[in-house]
Amino acid sequence: MSDWKKALYGNMTDEEIERMHIELAEVEEYEEALRDDFAKAAITGILAGRWGQMPNRKPEEAFADFAYRVADAMLRRRVQDVDNESK
C-alpha cells in the first residue's frame, strides 16, 4: 500500500476502502434526493398559496430558487435535530 493511501486509510483493506466509497456515494445520493423531496414539498406549498409576482424576476425562477432555499434550511435543521437528540 502506498504511503499516501496508508496515511489516508490506515490499515483498511482495498475491499473495505471500496465499500466505504460506495456507502459514501449512497449517502450523497440519499441527501440529494431528500433535498429534492423537500424542495418539491416547499414548491407545492408555495404554489398552493396566494403569492404575488416577485419584482424583476420570472415567478417560476423565483419560486424554484425559494423552494431550494427552504429545502436547504430543512436539511440544516434536520442535522441540528439529530445533533440535539444525540446529546
N, C-alpha and C. Protein backbone atom coordinates (compact mmCIF):
# COMPACT_ATOMS: atom_id res chain seq x y z
N MET A 1 0.86 -1.17 0.00
CA MET A 1 0.00 0.00 0.00
C MET A 1 0.90 1.24 0.00
N SER A 2 0.55 2.22 -0.81
CA SER A 2 1.38 3.44 -0.90
C SER A 2 1.28 4.23 0.41
N ASP A 3 2.27 5.09 0.61
CA ASP A 3 2.32 5.89 1.85
C ASP A 3 1.10 6.79 2.00
N TRP A 4 0.69 7.43 0.89
CA TRP A 4 -0.45 8.33 0.98
C TRP A 4 -1.72 7.56 1.29
N LYS A 5 -1.84 6.37 0.72
CA LYS A 5 -3.03 5.57 0.95
C LYS A 5 -3.07 5.08 2.40
N LYS A 6 -1.92 4.69 2.92
CA LYS A 6 -1.84 4.25 4.31
C LYS A 6 -2.16 5.41 5.25
N ALA A 7 -1.65 6.61 4.92
CA ALA A 7 -1.93 7.78 5.75
C ALA A 7 -3.41 8.13 5.74
N LEU A 8 -4.04 7.95 4.60
CA LEU A 8 -5.45 8.31 4.45
C LEU A 8 -6.38 7.25 5.02
N TYR A 9 -6.08 5.99 4.76
CA TYR A 9 -6.99 4.91 5.11
C TYR A 9 -6.51 4.01 6.26
N GLY A 10 -5.33 4.25 6.76
CA GLY A 10 -4.84 3.41 7.84
C GLY A 10 -4.62 1.99 7.37
N ASN A 11 -5.10 1.05 8.13
CA ASN A 11 -4.90 -0.38 7.82
C ASN A 11 -6.09 -1.00 7.11
N MET A 12 -6.95 -0.18 6.51
CA MET A 12 -8.11 -0.73 5.81
C MET A 12 -7.66 -1.50 4.57
N THR A 13 -8.37 -2.58 4.29
CA THR A 13 -8.08 -3.35 3.08
C THR A 13 -8.69 -2.63 1.88
N ASP A 14 -8.27 -3.03 0.69
CA ASP A 14 -8.83 -2.44 -0.53
C ASP A 14 -10.34 -2.66 -0.59
N GLU A 15 -10.80 -3.82 -0.15
CA GLU A 15 -12.24 -4.12 -0.15
C GLU A 15 -12.97 -3.20 0.82
N GLU A 16 -12.40 -2.95 1.99
CA GLU A 16 -13.02 -2.05 2.96
C GLU A 16 -13.06 -0.62 2.43
N ILE A 17 -12.01 -0.21 1.77
CA ILE A 17 -11.96 1.13 1.19
C ILE A 17 -13.02 1.27 0.11
N GLU A 18 -13.13 0.29 -0.76
CA GLU A 18 -14.13 0.33 -1.82
C GLU A 18 -15.53 0.38 -1.24
N ARG A 19 -15.81 -0.43 -0.23
CA ARG A 19 -17.14 -0.44 0.40
C ARG A 19 -17.45 0.92 1.03
N MET A 20 -16.45 1.53 1.67
CA MET A 20 -16.64 2.83 2.28
C MET A 20 -17.01 3.87 1.22
N HIS A 21 -16.33 3.83 0.08
CA HIS A 21 -16.62 4.78 -1.00
C HIS A 21 -18.03 4.56 -1.55
N ILE A 22 -18.44 3.32 -1.67
CA ILE A 22 -19.80 3.02 -2.13
C ILE A 22 -20.82 3.56 -1.14
N GLU A 23 -20.59 3.34 0.15
CA GLU A 23 -21.51 3.83 1.18
C GLU A 23 -21.59 5.35 1.18
N LEU A 24 -20.46 6.02 1.02
CA LEU A 24 -20.45 7.48 0.96
C LEU A 24 -21.24 7.99 -0.24
N ALA A 25 -21.08 7.33 -1.38
CA ALA A 25 -21.83 7.72 -2.58
C ALA A 25 -23.33 7.54 -2.36
N GLU A 26 -23.71 6.45 -1.68
CA GLU A 26 -25.12 6.21 -1.39
C GLU A 26 -25.68 7.29 -0.47
N VAL A 27 -24.90 7.70 0.52
CA VAL A 27 -25.35 8.77 1.43
C VAL A 27 -25.52 10.07 0.66
N GLU A 28 -24.58 10.40 -0.21
CA GLU A 28 -24.68 11.62 -1.01
C GLU A 28 -25.91 11.59 -1.91
N GLU A 29 -26.19 10.44 -2.52
CA GLU A 29 -27.37 10.31 -3.37
C GLU A 29 -28.64 10.47 -2.54
N TYR A 30 -28.66 9.88 -1.34
CA TYR A 30 -29.83 9.99 -0.46
C TYR A 30 -30.06 11.45 -0.06
N GLU A 31 -28.98 12.15 0.33
CA GLU A 31 -29.13 13.54 0.74
C GLU A 31 -29.62 14.41 -0.41
N GLU A 32 -29.13 14.16 -1.62
CA GLU A 32 -29.58 14.94 -2.77
C GLU A 32 -31.04 14.65 -3.06
N ALA A 33 -31.45 13.38 -2.96
CA ALA A 33 -32.85 13.03 -3.18
C ALA A 33 -33.73 13.65 -2.09
N LEU A 34 -33.25 13.66 -0.86
CA LEU A 34 -34.00 14.25 0.23
C LEU A 34 -34.17 15.76 0.00
N ARG A 35 -33.11 16.42 -0.47
CA ARG A 35 -33.17 17.85 -0.78
C ARG A 35 -34.23 18.10 -1.85
N ASP A 36 -34.24 17.27 -2.89
CA ASP A 36 -35.25 17.41 -3.94
C ASP A 36 -36.65 17.18 -3.39
N ASP A 37 -36.81 16.19 -2.51
CA ASP A 37 -38.12 15.93 -1.91
C ASP A 37 -38.59 17.12 -1.08
N PHE A 38 -37.68 17.71 -0.29
CA PHE A 38 -38.03 18.90 0.48
C PHE A 38 -38.41 20.05 -0.43
N ALA A 39 -37.67 20.23 -1.51
CA ALA A 39 -37.98 21.31 -2.45
C ALA A 39 -39.34 21.08 -3.11
N LYS A 40 -39.65 19.82 -3.45
CA LYS A 40 -40.96 19.53 -4.04
C LYS A 40 -42.08 19.88 -3.06
N ALA A 41 -41.88 19.54 -1.79
CA ALA A 41 -42.89 19.86 -0.79
C ALA A 41 -43.04 21.37 -0.64
N ALA A 42 -41.91 22.08 -0.63
CA ALA A 42 -41.95 23.53 -0.48
C ALA A 42 -42.65 24.18 -1.68
N ILE A 43 -42.32 23.74 -2.89
CA ILE A 43 -42.93 24.37 -4.08
C ILE A 43 -44.42 24.07 -4.13
N THR A 44 -44.82 22.91 -3.66
CA THR A 44 -46.25 22.58 -3.61
C THR A 44 -46.98 23.58 -2.71
N GLY A 45 -46.39 23.84 -1.55
CA GLY A 45 -46.99 24.81 -0.64
C GLY A 45 -46.97 26.21 -1.21
N ILE A 46 -45.88 26.59 -1.84
CA ILE A 46 -45.76 27.93 -2.43
C ILE A 46 -46.83 28.13 -3.50
N LEU A 47 -46.96 27.16 -4.39
CA LEU A 47 -47.90 27.30 -5.50
C LEU A 47 -49.35 27.16 -5.05
N ALA A 48 -49.58 26.50 -3.92
CA ALA A 48 -50.94 26.37 -3.41
C ALA A 48 -51.40 27.66 -2.73
N GLY A 49 -50.43 28.49 -2.31
CA GLY A 49 -50.76 29.73 -1.63
C GLY A 49 -51.09 30.84 -2.60
N ARG A 50 -51.31 32.01 -2.05
CA ARG A 50 -51.62 33.19 -2.88
C ARG A 50 -50.42 34.10 -2.89
N TRP A 51 -49.46 33.78 -3.72
CA TRP A 51 -48.24 34.56 -3.83
C TRP A 51 -48.35 35.50 -5.02
N GLY A 52 -47.96 36.73 -4.82
CA GLY A 52 -47.91 37.67 -5.93
C GLY A 52 -46.63 37.45 -6.72
N GLN A 53 -46.50 38.15 -7.80
CA GLN A 53 -45.28 38.02 -8.61
C GLN A 53 -44.12 38.72 -7.92
N MET A 54 -42.97 38.13 -8.05
CA MET A 54 -41.76 38.72 -7.48
C MET A 54 -41.26 39.79 -8.45
N PRO A 55 -40.89 40.95 -7.94
CA PRO A 55 -40.42 42.02 -8.84
C PRO A 55 -39.14 41.64 -9.57
N ASN A 56 -39.05 42.02 -10.83
CA ASN A 56 -37.85 41.85 -11.66
C ASN A 56 -37.43 40.40 -11.87
N ARG A 57 -38.27 39.46 -11.64
CA ARG A 57 -37.92 38.05 -11.85
C ARG A 57 -39.13 37.31 -12.38
N LYS A 58 -38.85 36.28 -13.15
CA LYS A 58 -39.94 35.41 -13.57
C LYS A 58 -40.40 34.64 -12.33
N PRO A 59 -41.69 34.53 -12.10
CA PRO A 59 -42.17 33.85 -10.89
C PRO A 59 -41.65 32.42 -10.77
N GLU A 60 -41.61 31.69 -11.88
CA GLU A 60 -41.17 30.30 -11.80
C GLU A 60 -39.71 30.19 -11.34
N GLU A 61 -38.88 31.14 -11.74
CA GLU A 61 -37.49 31.13 -11.30
C GLU A 61 -37.39 31.51 -9.82
N ALA A 62 -38.13 32.54 -9.45
CA ALA A 62 -38.11 32.97 -8.06
C ALA A 62 -38.63 31.87 -7.14
N PHE A 63 -39.73 31.22 -7.52
CA PHE A 63 -40.30 30.16 -6.69
C PHE A 63 -39.37 28.96 -6.60
N ALA A 64 -38.74 28.59 -7.70
CA ALA A 64 -37.82 27.45 -7.69
C ALA A 64 -36.63 27.74 -6.79
N ASP A 65 -36.07 28.94 -6.90
CA ASP A 65 -34.95 29.31 -6.03
C ASP A 65 -35.37 29.28 -4.57
N PHE A 66 -36.55 29.83 -4.29
CA PHE A 66 -37.05 29.86 -2.92
C PHE A 66 -37.29 28.45 -2.39
N ALA A 67 -37.83 27.56 -3.23
CA ALA A 67 -38.10 26.18 -2.80
C ALA A 67 -36.81 25.49 -2.39
N TYR A 68 -35.74 25.69 -3.14
CA TYR A 68 -34.46 25.06 -2.77
C TYR A 68 -33.83 25.73 -1.55
N ARG A 69 -34.06 27.03 -1.35
CA ARG A 69 -33.58 27.67 -0.12
C ARG A 69 -34.30 27.07 1.08
N VAL A 70 -35.60 26.85 0.95
CA VAL A 70 -36.37 26.21 2.02
C VAL A 70 -35.86 24.80 2.25
N ALA A 71 -35.62 24.05 1.17
CA ALA A 71 -35.11 22.67 1.29
C ALA A 71 -33.77 22.66 2.00
N ASP A 72 -32.87 23.57 1.65
CA ASP A 72 -31.56 23.63 2.30
C ASP A 72 -31.71 23.95 3.78
N ALA A 73 -32.63 24.85 4.13
CA ALA A 73 -32.87 25.17 5.53
C ALA A 73 -33.42 23.95 6.27
N MET A 74 -34.28 23.18 5.61
CA MET A 74 -34.83 21.98 6.23
C MET A 74 -33.72 20.95 6.49
N LEU A 75 -32.80 20.82 5.56
CA LEU A 75 -31.68 19.89 5.76
C LEU A 75 -30.79 20.34 6.91
N ARG A 76 -30.52 21.65 7.00
CA ARG A 76 -29.71 22.16 8.12
C ARG A 76 -30.42 21.89 9.44
N ARG A 77 -31.72 22.14 9.49
CA ARG A 77 -32.49 21.91 10.71
C ARG A 77 -32.51 20.43 11.08
N ARG A 78 -32.61 19.58 10.08
CA ARG A 78 -32.60 18.13 10.32
C ARG A 78 -31.30 17.71 10.99
N VAL A 79 -30.18 18.24 10.53
CA VAL A 79 -28.88 17.92 11.14
C VAL A 79 -28.83 18.44 12.57
N GLN A 80 -29.36 19.64 12.80
CA GLN A 80 -29.40 20.20 14.16
C GLN A 80 -30.21 19.31 15.08
N ASP A 81 -31.36 18.84 14.60
CA ASP A 81 -32.21 17.98 15.42
C ASP A 81 -31.53 16.67 15.75
N VAL A 82 -30.83 16.09 14.78
CA VAL A 82 -30.10 14.83 15.01
C VAL A 82 -29.01 15.08 16.03
N ASP A 83 -28.28 16.19 15.90
CA ASP A 83 -27.22 16.51 16.84
C ASP A 83 -27.78 16.70 18.25
N ASN A 84 -28.93 17.36 18.37
CA ASN A 84 -29.54 17.59 19.68
C ASN A 84 -30.03 16.29 20.31
N GLU A 85 -30.54 15.37 19.50
CA GLU A 85 -31.03 14.09 20.02
C GLU A 85 -29.88 13.24 20.55
N SER A 86 -28.69 13.39 19.97
CA SER A 86 -27.57 12.56 20.38
C SER A 86 -26.91 13.08 21.66
N LYS A 87 -27.32 14.25 22.13
CA LYS A 87 -26.72 14.81 23.35
C LYS A 87 -27.42 14.32 24.58
